[in-house]
mmCIF file of all heavy atoms, coordinates in Angstrom:
data_MODEL
# 
_entry.id   MODEL 
# 
loop_
_atom_site.group_PDB 
_atom_site.id 
_atom_site.type_symbol 
_atom_site.label_atom_id 
_atom_site.label_alt_id 
_atom_site.label_comp_id 
_atom_site.label_asym_id 
_atom_site.label_entity_id 
_atom_site.label_seq_id 
_atom_site.pdbx_PDB_ins_code 
_atom_site.Cartn_x 
_atom_site.Cartn_y 
_atom_site.Cartn_z 
_atom_site.occupancy 
_atom_site.B_iso_or_equiv 
_atom_site.pdbx_formal_charge 
_atom_site.auth_seq_id 
_atom_site.auth_comp_id 
_atom_site.auth_asym_id 
_atom_site.auth_atom_id 
_atom_site.pdbx_PDB_model_num 
ATOM 1   N N   . PRO A 1 1  ? -71.906 -8.887  -19.445 1.00 0.00 ? 1  PRO A N   1 
ATOM 2   C CA  . PRO A 1 1  ? -71.329 -7.721  -18.813 1.00 0.00 ? 1  PRO A CA  1 
ATOM 3   C C   . PRO A 1 1  ? -69.797 -7.845  -18.738 1.00 0.00 ? 1  PRO A C   1 
ATOM 4   O O   . PRO A 1 1  ? -69.292 -8.620  -17.912 1.00 0.00 ? 1  PRO A O   1 
ATOM 5   C CB  . PRO A 1 1  ? -71.949 -7.759  -17.417 1.00 0.00 ? 1  PRO A CB  1 
ATOM 6   C CG  . PRO A 1 1  ? -73.075 -8.759  -17.452 1.00 0.00 ? 1  PRO A CG  1 
ATOM 7   C CD  . PRO A 1 1  ? -72.694 -9.718  -18.524 1.00 0.00 ? 1  PRO A CD  1 
ATOM 8   N N   . VAL A 1 2  ? -69.114 -7.129  -19.583 1.00 0.00 ? 2  VAL A N   1 
ATOM 9   C CA  . VAL A 1 2  ? -67.682 -7.283  -19.712 1.00 0.00 ? 2  VAL A CA  1 
ATOM 10  C C   . VAL A 1 2  ? -66.936 -6.891  -18.493 1.00 0.00 ? 2  VAL A C   1 
ATOM 11  O O   . VAL A 1 2  ? -65.965 -7.540  -18.128 1.00 0.00 ? 2  VAL A O   1 
ATOM 12  C CB  . VAL A 1 2  ? -67.213 -6.493  -20.987 1.00 0.00 ? 2  VAL A CB  1 
ATOM 13  C CG1 . VAL A 1 2  ? -65.691 -6.165  -20.874 1.00 0.00 ? 2  VAL A CG1 1 
ATOM 14  C CG2 . VAL A 1 2  ? -67.503 -7.278  -22.233 1.00 0.00 ? 2  VAL A CG2 1 
ATOM 15  N N   . TRP A 1 3  ? -67.395 -5.801  -17.805 1.00 0.00 ? 3  TRP A N   1 
ATOM 16  C CA  . TRP A 1 3  ? -66.701 -5.402  -16.578 1.00 0.00 ? 3  TRP A CA  1 
ATOM 17  C C   . TRP A 1 3  ? -66.598 -6.533  -15.579 1.00 0.00 ? 3  TRP A C   1 
ATOM 18  O O   . TRP A 1 3  ? -65.611 -6.698  -14.884 1.00 0.00 ? 3  TRP A O   1 
ATOM 19  C CB  . TRP A 1 3  ? -67.372 -4.196  -15.964 1.00 0.00 ? 3  TRP A CB  1 
ATOM 20  C CG  . TRP A 1 3  ? -68.773 -4.495  -15.387 1.00 0.00 ? 3  TRP A CG  1 
ATOM 21  C CD1 . TRP A 1 3  ? -69.980 -4.404  -16.028 1.00 0.00 ? 3  TRP A CD1 1 
ATOM 22  C CD2 . TRP A 1 3  ? -69.035 -4.991  -14.052 1.00 0.00 ? 3  TRP A CD2 1 
ATOM 23  N NE1 . TRP A 1 3  ? -70.979 -4.786  -15.169 1.00 0.00 ? 3  TRP A NE1 1 
ATOM 24  C CE2 . TRP A 1 3  ? -70.465 -5.151  -13.947 1.00 0.00 ? 3  TRP A CE2 1 
ATOM 25  C CE3 . TRP A 1 3  ? -68.248 -5.275  -12.953 1.00 0.00 ? 3  TRP A CE3 1 
ATOM 26  C CZ2 . TRP A 1 3  ? -71.043 -5.600  -12.782 1.00 0.00 ? 3  TRP A CZ2 1 
ATOM 27  C CZ3 . TRP A 1 3  ? -68.837 -5.725  -11.769 1.00 0.00 ? 3  TRP A CZ3 1 
ATOM 28  C CH2 . TRP A 1 3  ? -70.240 -5.867  -11.722 1.00 0.00 ? 3  TRP A CH2 1 
ATOM 29  N N   . LYS A 1 4  ? -67.682 -7.305  -15.478 1.00 0.00 ? 4  LYS A N   1 
ATOM 30  C CA  . LYS A 1 4  ? -67.769 -8.399  -14.526 1.00 0.00 ? 4  LYS A CA  1 
ATOM 31  C C   . LYS A 1 4  ? -66.782 -9.535  -14.925 1.00 0.00 ? 4  LYS A C   1 
ATOM 32  O O   . LYS A 1 4  ? -66.085 -10.082 -14.092 1.00 0.00 ? 4  LYS A O   1 
ATOM 33  C CB  . LYS A 1 4  ? -69.210 -8.948  -14.460 1.00 0.00 ? 4  LYS A CB  1 
ATOM 34  C CG  . LYS A 1 4  ? -69.485 -9.946  -13.377 1.00 0.00 ? 4  LYS A CG  1 
ATOM 35  C CD  . LYS A 1 4  ? -70.977 -10.281 -13.255 1.00 0.00 ? 4  LYS A CD  1 
ATOM 36  C CE  . LYS A 1 4  ? -71.282 -11.127 -12.064 1.00 0.00 ? 4  LYS A CE  1 
ATOM 37  N NZ  . LYS A 1 4  ? -70.645 -12.447 -12.158 1.00 0.00 ? 4  LYS A NZ  1 
ATOM 38  N N   . LYS A 1 5  ? -66.711 -9.839  -16.240 1.00 0.00 ? 5  LYS A N   1 
ATOM 39  C CA  . LYS A 1 5  ? -65.853 -10.874 -16.694 1.00 0.00 ? 5  LYS A CA  1 
ATOM 40  C C   . LYS A 1 5  ? -64.349 -10.483 -16.463 1.00 0.00 ? 5  LYS A C   1 
ATOM 41  O O   . LYS A 1 5  ? -63.564 -11.275 -16.029 1.00 0.00 ? 5  LYS A O   1 
ATOM 42  C CB  . LYS A 1 5  ? -66.093 -11.109 -18.162 1.00 0.00 ? 5  LYS A CB  1 
ATOM 43  C CG  . LYS A 1 5  ? -67.395 -11.761 -18.467 1.00 0.00 ? 5  LYS A CG  1 
ATOM 44  C CD  . LYS A 1 5  ? -67.657 -13.069 -17.784 1.00 0.00 ? 5  LYS A CD  1 
ATOM 45  C CE  . LYS A 1 5  ? -66.674 -14.135 -18.194 1.00 0.00 ? 5  LYS A CE  1 
ATOM 46  N NZ  . LYS A 1 5  ? -66.967 -15.475 -17.513 1.00 0.00 ? 5  LYS A NZ  1 
ATOM 47  N N   . ILE A 1 6  ? -64.038 -9.212  -16.753 1.00 0.00 ? 6  ILE A N   1 
ATOM 48  C CA  . ILE A 1 6  ? -62.669 -8.729  -16.555 1.00 0.00 ? 6  ILE A CA  1 
ATOM 49  C C   . ILE A 1 6  ? -62.285 -8.838  -15.056 1.00 0.00 ? 6  ILE A C   1 
ATOM 50  O O   . ILE A 1 6  ? -61.175 -9.192  -14.704 1.00 0.00 ? 6  ILE A O   1 
ATOM 51  C CB  . ILE A 1 6  ? -62.515 -7.335  -17.092 1.00 0.00 ? 6  ILE A CB  1 
ATOM 52  C CG1 . ILE A 1 6  ? -62.537 -7.355  -18.613 1.00 0.00 ? 6  ILE A CG1 1 
ATOM 53  C CG2 . ILE A 1 6  ? -61.133 -6.729  -16.618 1.00 0.00 ? 6  ILE A CG2 1 
ATOM 54  C CD1 . ILE A 1 6  ? -62.395 -6.022  -19.302 1.00 0.00 ? 6  ILE A CD1 1 
ATOM 55  N N   . ASP A 1 7  ? -63.209 -8.461  -14.190 1.00 0.00 ? 7  ASP A N   1 
ATOM 56  C CA  . ASP A 1 7  ? -62.996 -8.595  -12.740 1.00 0.00 ? 7  ASP A CA  1 
ATOM 57  C C   . ASP A 1 7  ? -62.680 -10.020 -12.357 1.00 0.00 ? 7  ASP A C   1 
ATOM 58  O O   . ASP A 1 7  ? -61.803 -10.277 -11.526 1.00 0.00 ? 7  ASP A O   1 
ATOM 59  C CB  . ASP A 1 7  ? -64.186 -8.051  -11.952 1.00 0.00 ? 7  ASP A CB  1 
ATOM 60  C CG  . ASP A 1 7  ? -63.927 -7.982  -10.469 1.00 0.00 ? 7  ASP A CG  1 
ATOM 61  O OD1 . ASP A 1 7  ? -62.965 -7.297  -10.075 1.00 0.00 ? 7  ASP A OD1 1 
ATOM 62  O OD2 . ASP A 1 7  ? -64.674 -8.589  -9.674  1.00 0.00 ? 7  ASP A OD2 1 
ATOM 63  N N   . GLU A 1 8  ? -63.404 -10.957 -12.925 1.00 0.00 ? 8  GLU A N   1 
ATOM 64  C CA  . GLU A 1 8  ? -63.184 -12.391 -12.668 1.00 0.00 ? 8  GLU A CA  1 
ATOM 65  C C   . GLU A 1 8  ? -61.781 -12.821 -13.129 1.00 0.00 ? 8  GLU A C   1 
ATOM 66  O O   . GLU A 1 8  ? -61.059 -13.530 -12.450 1.00 0.00 ? 8  GLU A O   1 
ATOM 67  C CB  . GLU A 1 8  ? -64.211 -13.225 -13.381 1.00 0.00 ? 8  GLU A CB  1 
ATOM 68  C CG  . GLU A 1 8  ? -65.641 -13.105 -12.784 1.00 0.00 ? 8  GLU A CG  1 
ATOM 69  C CD  . GLU A 1 8  ? -66.656 -13.827 -13.605 1.00 0.00 ? 8  GLU A CD  1 
ATOM 70  O OE1 . GLU A 1 8  ? -66.273 -14.610 -14.496 1.00 0.00 ? 8  GLU A OE1 1 
ATOM 71  O OE2 . GLU A 1 8  ? -67.885 -13.664 -13.332 1.00 0.00 ? 8  GLU A OE2 1 
ATOM 72  N N   . PHE A 1 9  ? -61.385 -12.312 -14.334 1.00 0.00 ? 9  PHE A N   1 
ATOM 73  C CA  . PHE A 1 9  ? -60.092 -12.681 -14.830 1.00 0.00 ? 9  PHE A CA  1 
ATOM 74  C C   . PHE A 1 9  ? -58.954 -12.097 -14.026 1.00 0.00 ? 9  PHE A C   1 
ATOM 75  O O   . PHE A 1 9  ? -57.914 -12.720 -13.811 1.00 0.00 ? 9  PHE A O   1 
ATOM 76  C CB  . PHE A 1 9  ? -59.968 -12.175 -16.356 1.00 0.00 ? 9  PHE A CB  1 
ATOM 77  C CG  . PHE A 1 9  ? -60.883 -12.889 -17.286 1.00 0.00 ? 9  PHE A CG  1 
ATOM 78  C CD1 . PHE A 1 9  ? -61.635 -12.169 -18.251 1.00 0.00 ? 9  PHE A CD1 1 
ATOM 79  C CD2 . PHE A 1 9  ? -61.077 -14.258 -17.189 1.00 0.00 ? 9  PHE A CD2 1 
ATOM 80  C CE1 . PHE A 1 9  ? -62.483 -12.799 -19.097 1.00 0.00 ? 9  PHE A CE1 1 
ATOM 81  C CE2 . PHE A 1 9  ? -61.948 -14.906 -18.085 1.00 0.00 ? 9  PHE A CE2 1 
ATOM 82  C CZ  . PHE A 1 9  ? -62.618 -14.189 -19.027 1.00 0.00 ? 9  PHE A CZ  1 
ATOM 83  N N   . LYS A 1 10 ? -59.189 -10.852 -13.496 1.00 0.00 ? 10 LYS A N   1 
ATOM 84  C CA  . LYS A 1 10 ? -58.155 -10.232 -12.627 1.00 0.00 ? 10 LYS A CA  1 
ATOM 85  C C   . LYS A 1 10 ? -57.983 -11.035 -11.369 1.00 0.00 ? 10 LYS A C   1 
ATOM 86  O O   . LYS A 1 10 ? -56.876 -11.240 -10.886 1.00 0.00 ? 10 LYS A O   1 
ATOM 87  C CB  . LYS A 1 10 ? -58.605 -8.812  -12.311 1.00 0.00 ? 10 LYS A CB  1 
ATOM 88  C CG  . LYS A 1 10 ? -58.450 -7.808  -13.475 1.00 0.00 ? 10 LYS A CG  1 
ATOM 89  C CD  . LYS A 1 10 ? -59.101 -6.467  -13.168 1.00 0.00 ? 10 LYS A CD  1 
ATOM 90  C CE  . LYS A 1 10 ? -58.460 -5.782  -11.997 1.00 0.00 ? 10 LYS A CE  1 
ATOM 91  N NZ  . LYS A 1 10 ? -59.082 -4.468  -11.705 1.00 0.00 ? 10 LYS A NZ  1 
ATOM 92  N N   . LYS A 1 11 ? -59.082 -11.546 -10.788 1.00 0.00 ? 11 LYS A N   1 
ATOM 93  C CA  . LYS A 1 11 ? -59.006 -12.331 -9.564  1.00 0.00 ? 11 LYS A CA  1 
ATOM 94  C C   . LYS A 1 11 ? -58.263 -13.640 -9.772  1.00 0.00 ? 11 LYS A C   1 
ATOM 95  O O   . LYS A 1 11 ? -57.604 -14.173 -8.883  1.00 0.00 ? 11 LYS A O   1 
ATOM 96  C CB  . LYS A 1 11 ? -60.414 -12.585 -9.012  1.00 0.00 ? 11 LYS A CB  1 
ATOM 97  C CG  . LYS A 1 11 ? -61.079 -11.354 -8.416  1.00 0.00 ? 11 LYS A CG  1 
ATOM 98  C CD  . LYS A 1 11 ? -62.512 -11.683 -8.029  1.00 0.00 ? 11 LYS A CD  1 
ATOM 99  C CE  . LYS A 1 11 ? -63.165 -10.429 -7.348  1.00 0.00 ? 11 LYS A CE  1 
ATOM 100 N NZ  . LYS A 1 11 ? -64.605 -10.663 -7.029  1.00 0.00 ? 11 LYS A NZ  1 
ATOM 101 N N   . LYS A 1 12 ? -58.351 -14.149 -10.985 1.00 0.00 ? 12 LYS A N   1 
ATOM 102 C CA  . LYS A 1 12 ? -57.715 -15.401 -11.369 1.00 0.00 ? 12 LYS A CA  1 
ATOM 103 C C   . LYS A 1 12 ? -56.284 -15.166 -11.838 1.00 0.00 ? 12 LYS A C   1 
ATOM 104 O O   . LYS A 1 12 ? -55.599 -16.138 -12.281 1.00 0.00 ? 12 LYS A O   1 
ATOM 105 C CB  . LYS A 1 12 ? -58.501 -16.148 -12.464 1.00 0.00 ? 12 LYS A CB  1 
ATOM 106 C CG  . LYS A 1 12 ? -59.871 -16.621 -11.986 1.00 0.00 ? 12 LYS A CG  1 
ATOM 107 C CD  . LYS A 1 12 ? -60.595 -17.250 -13.167 1.00 0.00 ? 12 LYS A CD  1 
ATOM 108 C CE  . LYS A 1 12 ? -62.026 -17.762 -12.678 1.00 0.00 ? 12 LYS A CE  1 
ATOM 109 N NZ  . LYS A 1 12 ? -62.788 -18.307 -13.855 1.00 0.00 ? 12 LYS A NZ  1 
ATOM 110 N N   . LYS A 1 13 ? -55.809 -13.897 -11.786 1.00 0.00 ? 13 LYS A N   1 
ATOM 111 C CA  . LYS A 1 13 ? -54.443 -13.510 -12.147 1.00 0.00 ? 13 LYS A CA  1 
ATOM 112 C C   . LYS A 1 13 ? -54.181 -13.792 -13.653 1.00 0.00 ? 13 LYS A C   1 
ATOM 113 O O   . LYS A 1 13 ? -53.080 -14.131 -14.034 1.00 0.00 ? 13 LYS A O   1 
ATOM 114 C CB  . LYS A 1 13 ? -53.414 -14.267 -11.277 1.00 0.00 ? 13 LYS A CB  1 
ATOM 115 C CG  . LYS A 1 13 ? -53.610 -14.083 -9.808  1.00 0.00 ? 13 LYS A CG  1 
ATOM 116 C CD  . LYS A 1 13 ? -53.467 -12.662 -9.387  1.00 0.00 ? 13 LYS A CD  1 
ATOM 117 C CE  . LYS A 1 13 ? -53.582 -12.482 -7.876  1.00 0.00 ? 13 LYS A CE  1 
ATOM 118 N NZ  . LYS A 1 13 ? -53.497 -11.061 -7.410  1.00 0.00 ? 13 LYS A NZ  1 
ATOM 119 N N   . LYS A 1 14 ? -55.218 -13.675 -14.446 1.00 0.00 ? 14 LYS A N   1 
ATOM 120 C CA  . LYS A 1 14 ? -55.021 -13.823 -15.879 1.00 0.00 ? 14 LYS A CA  1 
ATOM 121 C C   . LYS A 1 14 ? -54.285 -12.611 -16.463 1.00 0.00 ? 14 LYS A C   1 
ATOM 122 O O   . LYS A 1 14 ? -54.408 -11.486 -16.017 1.00 0.00 ? 14 LYS A O   1 
ATOM 123 C CB  . LYS A 1 14 ? -56.402 -13.917 -16.584 1.00 0.00 ? 14 LYS A CB  1 
ATOM 124 C CG  . LYS A 1 14 ? -57.226 -15.119 -16.127 1.00 0.00 ? 14 LYS A CG  1 
ATOM 125 C CD  . LYS A 1 14 ? -56.614 -16.422 -16.577 1.00 0.00 ? 14 LYS A CD  1 
ATOM 126 C CE  . LYS A 1 14 ? -57.546 -17.568 -16.276 1.00 0.00 ? 14 LYS A CE  1 
ATOM 127 N NZ  . LYS A 1 14 ? -56.959 -18.912 -16.680 1.00 0.00 ? 14 LYS A NZ  1 
ATOM 128 N N   . LYS A 1 15 ? -53.456 -12.870 -17.497 1.00 0.00 ? 15 LYS A N   1 
ATOM 129 C CA  . LYS A 1 15 ? -52.763 -11.809 -18.170 1.00 0.00 ? 15 LYS A CA  1 
ATOM 130 C C   . LYS A 1 15 ? -53.696 -11.156 -19.186 1.00 0.00 ? 15 LYS A C   1 
ATOM 131 O O   . LYS A 1 15 ? -54.152 -11.860 -20.091 1.00 0.00 ? 15 LYS A O   1 
ATOM 132 C CB  . LYS A 1 15 ? -51.475 -12.331 -18.854 1.00 0.00 ? 15 LYS A CB  1 
ATOM 133 C CG  . LYS A 1 15 ? -50.426 -12.855 -17.913 1.00 0.00 ? 15 LYS A CG  1 
ATOM 134 C CD  . LYS A 1 15 ? -49.223 -13.352 -18.688 1.00 0.00 ? 15 LYS A CD  1 
ATOM 135 C CE  . LYS A 1 15 ? -48.138 -13.880 -17.762 1.00 0.00 ? 15 LYS A CE  1 
ATOM 136 N NZ  . LYS A 1 15 ? -47.011 -14.442 -18.526 1.00 0.00 ? 15 LYS A NZ  1 
ATOM 137 N N   . ILE A 1 16 ? -53.916 -9.895  -19.040 1.00 0.00 ? 16 ILE A N   1 
ATOM 138 C CA  . ILE A 1 16 ? -54.896 -9.160  -19.912 1.00 0.00 ? 16 ILE A CA  1 
ATOM 139 C C   . ILE A 1 16 ? -54.132 -8.216  -20.798 1.00 0.00 ? 16 ILE A C   1 
ATOM 140 O O   . ILE A 1 16 ? -53.304 -7.397  -20.356 1.00 0.00 ? 16 ILE A O   1 
ATOM 141 C CB  . ILE A 1 16 ? -55.937 -8.427  -19.084 1.00 0.00 ? 16 ILE A CB  1 
ATOM 142 C CG1 . ILE A 1 16 ? -56.634 -9.388  -18.104 1.00 0.00 ? 16 ILE A CG1 1 
ATOM 143 C CG2 . ILE A 1 16 ? -56.968 -7.729  -20.001 1.00 0.00 ? 16 ILE A CG2 1 
ATOM 144 C CD1 . ILE A 1 16 ? -57.606 -8.646  -17.135 1.00 0.00 ? 16 ILE A CD1 1 
ATOM 145 N N   . LEU A 1 17 ? -54.458 -8.283  -22.105 1.00 0.00 ? 17 LEU A N   1 
ATOM 146 C CA  . LEU A 1 17 ? -53.884 -7.414  -23.101 1.00 0.00 ? 17 LEU A CA  1 
ATOM 147 C C   . LEU A 1 17 ? -54.992 -6.511  -23.644 1.00 0.00 ? 17 LEU A C   1 
ATOM 148 O O   . LEU A 1 17 ? -55.947 -7.028  -24.212 1.00 0.00 ? 17 LEU A O   1 
ATOM 149 C CB  . LEU A 1 17 ? -53.252 -8.236  -24.233 1.00 0.00 ? 17 LEU A CB  1 
ATOM 150 C CG  . LEU A 1 17 ? -52.645 -7.436  -25.410 1.00 0.00 ? 17 LEU A CG  1 
ATOM 151 C CD1 . LEU A 1 17 ? -51.434 -6.637  -24.943 1.00 0.00 ? 17 LEU A CD1 1 
ATOM 152 C CD2 . LEU A 1 17 ? -52.200 -8.468  -26.491 1.00 0.00 ? 17 LEU A CD2 1 
ATOM 153 N N   . PHE A 1 18 ? -54.864 -5.201  -23.510 1.00 0.00 ? 18 PHE A N   1 
ATOM 154 C CA  . PHE A 1 18 ? -55.831 -4.238  -24.030 1.00 0.00 ? 18 PHE A CA  1 
ATOM 155 C C   . PHE A 1 18 ? -55.318 -3.712  -25.409 1.00 0.00 ? 18 PHE A C   1 
ATOM 156 O O   . PHE A 1 18 ? -54.252 -3.135  -25.445 1.00 0.00 ? 18 PHE A O   1 
ATOM 157 C CB  . PHE A 1 18 ? -56.020 -3.078  -23.056 1.00 0.00 ? 18 PHE A CB  1 
ATOM 158 C CG  . PHE A 1 18 ? -56.551 -3.515  -21.733 1.00 0.00 ? 18 PHE A CG  1 
ATOM 159 C CD1 . PHE A 1 18 ? -55.718 -3.867  -20.652 1.00 0.00 ? 18 PHE A CD1 1 
ATOM 160 C CD2 . PHE A 1 18 ? -57.942 -3.570  -21.524 1.00 0.00 ? 18 PHE A CD2 1 
ATOM 161 C CE1 . PHE A 1 18 ? -56.223 -4.229  -19.432 1.00 0.00 ? 18 PHE A CE1 1 
ATOM 162 C CE2 . PHE A 1 18 ? -58.468 -3.921  -20.290 1.00 0.00 ? 18 PHE A CE2 1 
ATOM 163 C CZ  . PHE A 1 18 ? -57.607 -4.279  -19.255 1.00 0.00 ? 18 PHE A CZ  1 
ATOM 164 N N   . GLU A 1 19 ? -56.101 -3.877  -26.405 1.00 0.00 ? 19 GLU A N   1 
ATOM 165 C CA  . GLU A 1 19 ? -55.709 -3.559  -27.782 1.00 0.00 ? 19 GLU A CA  1 
ATOM 166 C C   . GLU A 1 19 ? -56.414 -2.310  -28.279 1.00 0.00 ? 19 GLU A C   1 
ATOM 167 O O   . GLU A 1 19 ? -57.637 -2.301  -28.458 1.00 0.00 ? 19 GLU A O   1 
ATOM 168 C CB  . GLU A 1 19 ? -56.075 -4.749  -28.685 1.00 0.00 ? 19 GLU A CB  1 
ATOM 169 C CG  . GLU A 1 19 ? -55.695 -4.584  -30.158 1.00 0.00 ? 19 GLU A CG  1 
ATOM 170 C CD  . GLU A 1 19 ? -56.172 -5.724  -30.993 1.00 0.00 ? 19 GLU A CD  1 
ATOM 171 O OE1 . GLU A 1 19 ? -56.735 -6.721  -30.449 1.00 0.00 ? 19 GLU A OE1 1 
ATOM 172 O OE2 . GLU A 1 19 ? -55.989 -5.682  -32.239 1.00 0.00 ? 19 GLU A OE2 1 
ATOM 173 N N   . GLY A 1 20 ? -55.638 -1.247  -28.517 1.00 0.00 ? 20 GLY A N   1 
ATOM 174 C CA  . GLY A 1 20 ? -56.210 -0.036  -29.023 1.00 0.00 ? 20 GLY A CA  1 
ATOM 175 C C   . GLY A 1 20 ? -56.272 -0.073  -30.528 1.00 0.00 ? 20 GLY A C   1 
ATOM 176 O O   . GLY A 1 20 ? -55.624 -0.830  -31.224 1.00 0.00 ? 20 GLY A O   1 
ATOM 177 N N   . ALA A 1 21 ? -57.136 0.835   -31.095 1.00 0.00 ? 21 ALA A N   1 
ATOM 178 C CA  . ALA A 1 21 ? -57.244 0.963   -32.545 1.00 0.00 ? 21 ALA A CA  1 
ATOM 179 C C   . ALA A 1 21 ? -56.844 2.422   -32.921 1.00 0.00 ? 21 ALA A C   1 
ATOM 180 O O   . ALA A 1 21 ? -56.744 3.302   -32.064 1.00 0.00 ? 21 ALA A O   1 
ATOM 181 C CB  . ALA A 1 21 ? -58.697 0.731   -32.974 1.00 0.00 ? 21 ALA A CB  1 
ATOM 182 N N   . GLN A 1 22 ? -56.499 2.639   -34.162 1.00 0.00 ? 22 GLN A N   1 
ATOM 183 C CA  . GLN A 1 22 ? -55.993 3.911   -34.679 1.00 0.00 ? 22 GLN A CA  1 
ATOM 184 C C   . GLN A 1 22 ? -54.707 4.295   -33.926 1.00 0.00 ? 22 GLN A C   1 
ATOM 185 O O   . GLN A 1 22 ? -53.935 3.408   -33.569 1.00 0.00 ? 22 GLN A O   1 
ATOM 186 C CB  . GLN A 1 22 ? -57.061 5.052   -34.574 1.00 0.00 ? 22 GLN A CB  1 
ATOM 187 C CG  . GLN A 1 22 ? -58.212 4.876   -35.497 1.00 0.00 ? 22 GLN A CG  1 
ATOM 188 C CD  . GLN A 1 22 ? -59.403 4.171   -34.859 1.00 0.00 ? 22 GLN A CD  1 
ATOM 189 O OE1 . GLN A 1 22 ? -59.716 4.225   -33.696 1.00 0.00 ? 22 GLN A OE1 1 
ATOM 190 N NE2 . GLN A 1 22 ? -60.100 3.466   -35.651 1.00 0.00 ? 22 GLN A NE2 1 
ATOM 191 N N   . GLY A 1 23 ? -54.447 5.553   -33.707 1.00 0.00 ? 23 GLY A N   1 
ATOM 192 C CA  . GLY A 1 23 ? -53.217 6.033   -33.074 1.00 0.00 ? 23 GLY A CA  1 
ATOM 193 C C   . GLY A 1 23 ? -53.534 7.244   -32.183 1.00 0.00 ? 23 GLY A C   1 
ATOM 194 O O   . GLY A 1 23 ? -54.521 7.854   -32.329 1.00 0.00 ? 23 GLY A O   1 
ATOM 195 N N   . ILE A 1 24 ? -52.547 7.555   -31.307 1.00 0.00 ? 24 ILE A N   1 
ATOM 196 C CA  . ILE A 1 24 ? -52.761 8.622   -30.337 1.00 0.00 ? 24 ILE A CA  1 
ATOM 197 C C   . ILE A 1 24 ? -52.993 9.957   -31.033 1.00 0.00 ? 24 ILE A C   1 
ATOM 198 O O   . ILE A 1 24 ? -53.739 10.827  -30.537 1.00 0.00 ? 24 ILE A O   1 
ATOM 199 C CB  . ILE A 1 24 ? -51.564 8.703   -29.348 1.00 0.00 ? 24 ILE A CB  1 
ATOM 200 C CG1 . ILE A 1 24 ? -51.437 7.401   -28.576 1.00 0.00 ? 24 ILE A CG1 1 
ATOM 201 C CG2 . ILE A 1 24 ? -51.730 9.880   -28.406 1.00 0.00 ? 24 ILE A CG2 1 
ATOM 202 C CD1 . ILE A 1 24 ? -50.156 7.219   -27.825 1.00 0.00 ? 24 ILE A CD1 1 
ATOM 203 N N   . LEU A 1 25 ? -52.326 10.180  -32.167 1.00 0.00 ? 25 LEU A N   1 
ATOM 204 C CA  . LEU A 1 25 ? -52.472 11.433  -32.902 1.00 0.00 ? 25 LEU A CA  1 
ATOM 205 C C   . LEU A 1 25 ? -53.873 11.589  -33.526 1.00 0.00 ? 25 LEU A C   1 
ATOM 206 O O   . LEU A 1 25 ? -54.166 12.647  -34.110 1.00 0.00 ? 25 LEU A O   1 
ATOM 207 C CB  . LEU A 1 25 ? -51.402 11.571  -33.917 1.00 0.00 ? 25 LEU A CB  1 
ATOM 208 C CG  . LEU A 1 25 ? -50.007 11.816  -33.408 1.00 0.00 ? 25 LEU A CG  1 
ATOM 209 C CD1 . LEU A 1 25 ? -48.932 11.675  -34.499 1.00 0.00 ? 25 LEU A CD1 1 
ATOM 210 C CD2 . LEU A 1 25 ? -49.878 13.121  -32.718 1.00 0.00 ? 25 LEU A CD2 1 
ATOM 211 N N   . LEU A 1 26 ? -54.681 10.536  -33.454 1.00 0.00 ? 26 LEU A N   1 
ATOM 212 C CA  . LEU A 1 26 ? -56.098 10.617  -33.914 1.00 0.00 ? 26 LEU A CA  1 
ATOM 213 C C   . LEU A 1 26 ? -57.039 10.698  -32.734 1.00 0.00 ? 26 LEU A C   1 
ATOM 214 O O   . LEU A 1 26 ? -58.276 10.687  -32.915 1.00 0.00 ? 26 LEU A O   1 
ATOM 215 C CB  . LEU A 1 26 ? -56.415 9.382   -34.813 1.00 0.00 ? 26 LEU A CB  1 
ATOM 216 C CG  . LEU A 1 26 ? -55.697 9.269   -36.109 1.00 0.00 ? 26 LEU A CG  1 
ATOM 217 C CD1 . LEU A 1 26 ? -56.018 7.971   -36.804 1.00 0.00 ? 26 LEU A CD1 1 
ATOM 218 C CD2 . LEU A 1 26 ? -56.042 10.449  -36.976 1.00 0.00 ? 26 LEU A CD2 1 
# 
């Protein structure tokens, strides 16, 4: 469950990088 893992990382003050694909014009 990714939402749970991200919540754990947030509590641990981990730096999270969200990587998008394609571009906004798509």
